[in-house]
N, C-alpha and C. Protein backbone atom coordinates (compact mmCIF):
# COMPACT_ATOMS: atom_id res chain seq x y z
N MET A 1 145.97 148.62 95.60
CA MET A 1 145.27 147.81 95.67
C MET A 1 144.61 147.98 96.76
N SER A 2 143.36 148.30 96.84
CA SER A 2 143.04 147.54 98.39
C SER A 2 142.09 146.42 98.85
N TYR A 3 142.47 145.83 100.14
CA TYR A 3 141.37 144.44 100.74
C TYR A 3 140.49 144.94 101.58
N GLY A 4 139.09 144.39 101.42
CA GLY A 4 138.60 144.93 102.59
C GLY A 4 137.82 146.04 102.69
N ARG A 5 136.94 145.72 103.93
CA ARG A 5 136.00 147.58 103.85
C ARG A 5 136.74 147.80 105.55
N VAL A 6 135.80 148.76 105.81
CA VAL A 6 136.20 149.30 107.27
C VAL A 6 134.87 148.63 107.84
N PRO A 7 135.55 148.10 109.12
CA PRO A 7 137.11 148.81 109.78
C PRO A 7 138.14 147.37 109.12
N TYR A 8 138.32 146.60 108.67
CA TYR A 8 138.68 145.03 108.42
C TYR A 8 139.70 146.36 106.73
N TYR A 9 139.81 147.85 106.90
CA TYR A 9 140.54 148.21 105.31
C TYR A 9 142.10 147.70 105.84
N ILE A 10 142.65 147.33 104.28
CA ILE A 10 144.20 146.86 103.84
C ILE A 10 144.27 147.88 102.73
N ARG A 11 145.49 148.19 101.98
CA ARG A 11 145.50 149.20 101.04
C ARG A 11 147.09 148.31 100.75
N SER A 12 147.68 147.99 99.45
CA SER A 12 149.08 148.17 99.10
C SER A 12 149.69 149.04 98.40
N ASP A 13 150.66 149.37 98.10
CA ASP A 13 150.90 149.96 97.83
C ASP A 13 152.53 149.38 96.59
N GLY A 14 152.41 147.85 96.29
CA GLY A 14 152.82 146.95 96.14
C GLY A 14 154.01 146.37 96.34
N ASP A 15 154.67 147.15 97.75
CA ASP A 15 155.66 147.28 98.00
C ASP A 15 155.75 146.86 99.35
N THR A 16 154.66 147.68 100.54
CA THR A 16 153.70 147.57 101.96
C THR A 16 152.60 147.70 101.88
N LEU A 17 152.37 146.75 103.11
CA LEU A 17 150.57 146.56 102.97
C LEU A 17 150.62 147.57 104.10
N TYR A 18 149.33 148.45 104.10
CA TYR A 18 148.96 148.98 105.43
C TYR A 18 147.14 149.12 105.32
N PHE A 19 147.25 148.63 106.93
CA PHE A 19 146.70 148.02 107.78
C PHE A 19 146.00 149.22 108.19
N GLY A 20 144.98 149.86 108.00
CA GLY A 20 144.76 151.09 109.19
C GLY A 20 145.49 152.37 108.86
N ILE A 21 145.66 153.31 109.35
CA ILE A 21 146.55 154.55 109.30
C ILE A 21 147.70 154.35 109.89
N GLU A 22 147.89 153.69 110.86
CA GLU A 22 148.85 153.94 111.48
C GLU A 22 149.86 152.44 111.25
N THR A 23 149.88 151.13 111.10
CA THR A 23 150.14 149.95 110.97
C THR A 23 150.65 150.06 109.34
N SER A 24 151.62 149.57 109.34
CA SER A 24 152.26 149.00 107.91
C SER A 24 153.46 147.88 108.05
N VAL A 25 153.06 146.87 107.29
CA VAL A 25 154.60 145.68 107.11
C VAL A 25 155.07 145.43 105.53
N PRO A 26 156.21 145.12 105.60
CA PRO A 26 156.91 145.20 104.18
C PRO A 26 156.23 143.86 103.65
N GLU A 27 155.60 143.78 102.21
CA GLU A 27 154.74 143.26 101.74
C GLU A 27 155.57 141.78 101.33
N GLU A 28 156.98 141.68 101.71
CA GLU A 28 158.22 140.63 101.64
C GLU A 28 158.12 140.02 102.96
N GLN A 29 157.67 140.43 104.85
CA GLN A 29 157.53 139.83 105.31
C GLN A 29 155.96 138.89 105.64
N ILE A 30 155.19 139.67 104.88
CA ILE A 30 153.63 138.98 104.40
C ILE A 30 154.02 137.46 103.83
N ASN A 31 154.79 137.94 102.74
CA ASN A 31 154.75 136.55 102.20
C ASN A 31 156.03 135.44 102.96
N ALA A 32 156.57 135.60 102.98
CA ALA A 32 158.08 135.60 103.50
C ALA A 32 156.90 134.40 104.51
N PHE A 33 156.40 134.94 105.57
CA PHE A 33 155.44 134.22 106.72
C PHE A 33 154.68 133.43 105.93
N LEU A 34 153.53 133.54 105.18
CA LEU A 34 152.93 132.87 104.58
C LEU A 34 153.42 131.59 103.89
N PHE A 35 154.17 132.03 103.26
CA PHE A 35 155.50 130.73 102.89
C PHE A 35 155.61 129.41 103.70
N LYS A 36 156.71 130.47 105.00
CA LYS A 36 157.01 129.61 105.90
C LYS A 36 155.73 128.44 106.95
N ILE A 37 154.82 129.43 106.65
CA ILE A 37 153.93 128.46 107.97
C ILE A 37 153.24 127.31 106.63
N LEU A 38 153.33 127.46 105.61
CA LEU A 38 153.10 126.52 104.50
C LEU A 38 153.98 125.58 104.48
N LEU A 39 155.00 125.80 104.62
CA LEU A 39 155.96 125.02 103.97
C LEU A 39 156.87 124.13 105.46
N VAL A 40 156.35 124.36 106.66
CA VAL A 40 156.66 123.86 107.64
C VAL A 40 155.42 123.26 108.27
N GLY A 41 154.60 122.78 107.84
CA GLY A 41 153.29 121.91 107.54
C GLY A 41 152.88 122.75 109.08
N ARG A 42 152.43 123.71 109.23
CA ARG A 42 151.76 124.74 110.23
C ARG A 42 150.26 124.87 109.30
N ARG A 43 149.56 124.27 108.67
CA ARG A 43 148.75 124.45 107.50
C ARG A 43 147.33 124.46 109.03
N ASP A 44 147.54 123.83 109.75
CA ASP A 44 146.24 124.01 111.42
C ASP A 44 146.30 125.44 111.75
N GLU A 45 147.71 126.10 111.03
CA GLU A 45 147.03 127.46 111.61
C GLU A 45 147.29 128.49 110.42
N LEU A 46 147.44 128.51 109.21
CA LEU A 46 147.06 128.97 107.68
C LEU A 46 145.36 128.48 107.47
N ALA A 47 144.99 127.69 108.18
CA ALA A 47 143.72 126.86 108.05
C ALA A 47 142.70 128.10 109.48
N ARG A 48 143.51 128.05 110.50
CA ARG A 48 142.54 128.61 110.93
C ARG A 48 142.87 130.01 110.75
N ARG A 49 143.41 130.82 110.58
CA ARG A 49 143.84 132.13 110.06
C ARG A 49 142.97 132.03 108.83
N LEU A 50 142.78 131.17 107.58
CA LEU A 50 141.68 132.00 106.63
C LEU A 50 140.40 131.68 107.34
N ARG A 51 140.14 130.70 108.47
CA ARG A 51 137.94 130.63 108.88
C ARG A 51 138.42 132.22 109.25
N ASP A 52 139.28 132.79 110.60
CA ASP A 52 138.94 133.87 110.86
C ASP A 52 138.59 135.10 110.63
N GLY A 53 139.76 134.43 109.28
CA GLY A 53 139.31 135.84 108.11
C GLY A 53 138.37 136.09 107.85
N GLN A 54 137.85 134.84 107.15
CA GLN A 54 136.51 134.68 106.74
C GLN A 54 135.77 134.39 107.45
N GLN A 55 135.53 134.46 108.66
CA GLN A 55 134.29 134.95 110.25
C GLN A 55 134.57 137.06 109.40
N ALA A 56 135.43 137.57 109.60
CA ALA A 56 135.73 138.86 109.60
C ALA A 56 135.02 139.31 108.28
N TRP A 57 134.44 139.10 107.46
CA TRP A 57 134.12 138.84 106.03
C TRP A 57 132.78 139.26 106.18
N VAL A 58 132.52 137.65 106.80
CA VAL A 58 131.07 137.45 106.75
C VAL A 58 129.97 138.42 107.23
N GLY A 59 129.89 139.69 108.07
CA GLY A 59 129.20 140.33 108.26
C GLY A 59 129.51 141.47 107.20
N GLN A 60 130.62 141.49 106.12
CA GLN A 60 130.79 142.72 105.97
C GLN A 60 130.35 142.55 104.43
N ALA A 61 130.25 141.27 103.55
CA ALA A 61 129.57 140.96 102.32
C ALA A 61 129.19 140.29 102.55
N ASP A 62 128.26 140.09 101.45
CA ASP A 62 127.30 138.94 100.79
C ASP A 62 128.17 137.34 101.29
N GLN A 63 127.61 136.47 101.52
CA GLN A 63 128.21 134.67 102.08
C GLN A 63 128.50 134.25 100.71
N ALA A 64 127.31 134.60 99.61
CA ALA A 64 127.54 133.79 98.40
C ALA A 64 128.29 134.14 98.23
N TRP A 65 128.66 135.65 97.64
CA TRP A 65 129.80 136.20 97.14
C TRP A 65 130.71 135.52 97.31
N ILE A 66 131.60 135.27 98.95
CA ILE A 66 132.67 134.95 99.36
C ILE A 66 132.68 133.57 99.01
N ASP A 67 131.95 132.63 98.67
CA ASP A 67 131.40 131.49 98.37
C ASP A 67 132.05 131.19 96.79
N ARG A 68 132.00 132.26 95.49
CA ARG A 68 132.14 131.81 94.92
C ARG A 68 134.11 132.25 94.91
N GLN A 69 134.04 133.29 95.47
CA GLN A 69 135.48 133.33 95.34
C GLN A 69 136.54 132.42 96.22
N VAL A 70 136.25 131.51 96.75
CA VAL A 70 137.18 130.74 97.55
C VAL A 70 137.47 129.77 96.61
N ASP A 71 138.59 129.02 96.62
CA ASP A 71 138.70 128.28 95.97
C ASP A 71 138.95 126.70 95.91
N ASP A 72 139.07 125.94 95.39
CA ASP A 72 139.01 124.67 96.24
C ASP A 72 140.12 124.07 97.45
N LEU A 73 140.99 124.27 96.48
CA LEU A 73 142.79 124.37 97.70
C LEU A 73 142.18 124.85 98.84
N LEU A 74 141.33 126.08 98.56
CA LEU A 74 141.24 126.92 100.17
C LEU A 74 140.69 126.68 100.77
N ARG A 75 139.18 125.75 99.88
CA ARG A 75 137.83 124.96 101.24
C ARG A 75 138.46 123.69 101.67
N GLN A 76 139.38 123.32 100.99
CA GLN A 76 140.10 121.88 101.77
C GLN A 76 141.20 122.55 102.57
N LEU A 77 142.12 123.15 102.67
CA LEU A 77 142.64 124.12 103.89
C LEU A 77 141.58 124.23 104.86
N MET A 78 140.64 125.24 104.74
CA MET A 78 140.17 126.04 105.98
C MET A 78 138.87 124.81 106.42
N LYS A 79 138.81 123.37 105.83
CA LYS A 79 138.05 122.23 106.74
C LYS A 79 139.00 121.41 107.20
N GLY A 80 140.16 121.78 107.41
CA GLY A 80 141.21 120.75 107.88
C GLY A 80 141.97 119.49 106.66
N GLU A 81 141.94 119.91 105.72
CA GLU A 81 141.69 118.81 104.76
C GLU A 81 143.59 118.94 104.03
N SER A 82 144.07 117.99 104.50
CA SER A 82 145.86 118.51 103.36
C SER A 82 145.65 118.25 102.01
N PRO A 83 145.59 118.86 101.54
CA PRO A 83 145.37 119.46 99.98
C PRO A 83 147.25 118.92 99.50
N CYS A 84 147.31 118.43 98.17
CA CYS A 84 148.42 118.10 97.64
C CYS A 84 148.81 119.21 97.05
N LEU A 85 150.33 120.21 97.69
CA LEU A 85 150.56 121.30 97.34
C LEU A 85 151.47 121.48 95.68
N THR A 86 151.34 120.40 94.95
CA THR A 86 152.72 120.34 94.10
C THR A 86 153.37 121.76 92.97
């Protein structure tokens, strides 16, 4: 599976995320990192990363398409709200 477009091309083989040609990170480490920042209440960092990622995509894709893909939970996080994550 691949995500993004040039210059933000990311692909996965199911075990590793490849960022471009030279950089790769095991998906297990990515997943652990994301879970940890959510678990320890660093939602402000997660929200910032989501906003930064969205900003990178705005110039790459149709904004209406992006808006349709973002669900309510992510919208709340990106606005700085603290949704209940049960």
